[in-house]
Amino acid sequence: VFMYALRYQRFQLFDLLLREMSIDADFTARDLQGNTILHYAVVYCADQTQIFDRLIDHFKQLKLDIDQRNHFGFTPLLLGKQQTSGEG
């Protein structure tokens, strides 16, 4: 649901889900290409830096690795760098 909300830029839904502590969210979930929710944030929410900050805070609280690679070898940071340089 988090990935859907970011992909379709439903930021109010994303905020609601992130604030709702009773939701058992799996922040380690990946799509078929191995992308995490942080990969989605980089691709679909590049101008929404507050989303990155909130997600990174959640990852740190849960002691999750923010540098997970997708099946193409990209971490969210590398993916963001590729997008800003115009490569790919």
Protein backbone atom coordinates (compact mmCIF):
# COMPACT_ATOMS: atom_id res chain seq x y z
CA VAL A 1 0.00 0.00 0.00
CA PHE A 2 2.89 2.38 0.77
CA MET A 3 4.44 1.73 -2.64
CA TYR A 4 1.10 2.30 -4.34
CA ALA A 5 0.61 5.58 -2.48
CA LEU A 6 4.04 6.84 -3.55
CA ARG A 7 3.81 5.59 -7.12
CA TYR A 8 0.50 7.37 -7.69
CA GLN A 9 1.56 10.35 -5.57
CA ARG A 10 -1.22 9.92 -3.03
CA PHE A 11 0.70 11.80 -0.38
CA GLN A 12 -2.24 12.24 1.99
CA LEU A 13 -2.80 8.48 1.99
CA PHE A 14 0.92 7.93 2.55
CA ASP A 15 0.93 10.36 5.50
CA LEU A 16 -2.14 8.72 7.01
CA LEU A 17 -0.62 5.25 6.74
CA LEU A 18 2.71 6.35 8.15
CA ARG A 19 1.07 8.08 11.12
CA GLU A 20 -1.19 5.13 11.90
CA MET A 21 0.83 3.12 14.39
CA SER A 22 -1.66 0.21 14.50
CA ILE A 23 -0.84 -0.74 10.89
CA ASP A 24 1.56 -3.65 10.69
CA ALA A 25 3.64 -2.37 7.77
CA ASP A 26 6.45 -4.41 6.30
CA PHE A 27 9.14 -1.89 5.37
CA THR A 28 11.31 -4.75 4.08
CA ALA A 29 8.80 -5.59 1.34
CA ARG A 30 10.09 -5.55 -2.24
CA ASP A 31 8.45 -5.50 -5.63
CA LEU A 32 9.30 -7.87 -8.49
CA GLN A 33 12.41 -5.82 -9.38
CA GLY A 34 13.61 -5.86 -5.76
CA ASN A 35 12.71 -2.23 -5.09
CA THR A 36 11.90 -1.13 -1.56
CA ILE A 37 9.68 1.73 -0.52
CA LEU A 38 12.78 3.96 -0.51
CA HIS A 39 13.39 3.15 -4.19
CA TYR A 40 9.80 4.19 -4.89
CA ALA A 41 10.27 7.43 -2.98
CA VAL A 42 13.34 8.27 -5.09
CA VAL A 43 11.62 7.52 -8.38
CA TYR A 44 8.16 8.96 -7.77
CA CYS A 45 8.66 11.66 -5.13
CA ALA A 46 11.92 13.36 -6.03
CA ASP A 47 10.60 16.80 -5.10
CA GLN A 48 9.06 15.65 -1.81
CA THR A 49 12.12 15.57 0.47
CA GLN A 50 10.01 15.37 3.63
CA ILE A 51 8.93 11.89 2.51
CA PHE A 52 12.56 10.74 2.41
CA ASP A 53 13.19 12.18 5.85
CA ARG A 54 10.19 10.43 7.36
CA LEU A 55 10.96 7.11 5.69
CA ILE A 56 14.60 7.20 6.73
CA ASP A 57 13.52 7.96 10.30
CA HIS A 58 11.22 4.90 10.21
CA PHE A 59 13.97 2.73 8.79
CA LYS A 60 16.34 3.88 11.55
CA GLN A 61 13.75 3.27 14.27
CA LEU A 62 13.22 -0.26 12.96
CA LYS A 63 16.99 -0.75 12.51
CA LEU A 64 16.55 -1.52 8.80
CA ASP A 65 19.20 -1.06 6.12
CA ILE A 66 18.47 1.97 3.93
CA ASP A 67 21.06 0.87 1.35
CA GLN A 68 19.36 -2.26 0.04
CA ARG A 69 20.04 -2.98 -3.62
CA ASN A 70 17.36 -3.88 -6.12
CA HIS A 71 17.84 -6.65 -8.71
CA PHE A 72 19.68 -4.19 -10.97
CA GLY A 73 22.20 -3.36 -8.25
CA PHE A 74 20.86 0.09 -7.39
CA THR A 75 20.44 1.36 -3.84
CA PRO A 76 17.95 4.21 -3.43
CA LEU A 77 20.90 6.65 -3.28
CA LEU A 78 22.46 5.29 -6.48
CA LEU A 79 19.09 5.38 -8.21
CA GLY A 80 18.60 9.00 -7.20
CA LYS A 81 22.08 9.91 -8.42
CA GLN A 82 21.39 8.23 -11.77
CA GLN A 83 18.14 10.16 -12.15
CA THR A 84 19.68 13.54 -11.35
CA SER A 85 22.58 13.00 -13.72
CA GLY A 86 20.21 12.10 -16.56
CA GLU A 87 21.72 8.66 -17.11
CA GLY A 88 19.67 5.58 -17.93
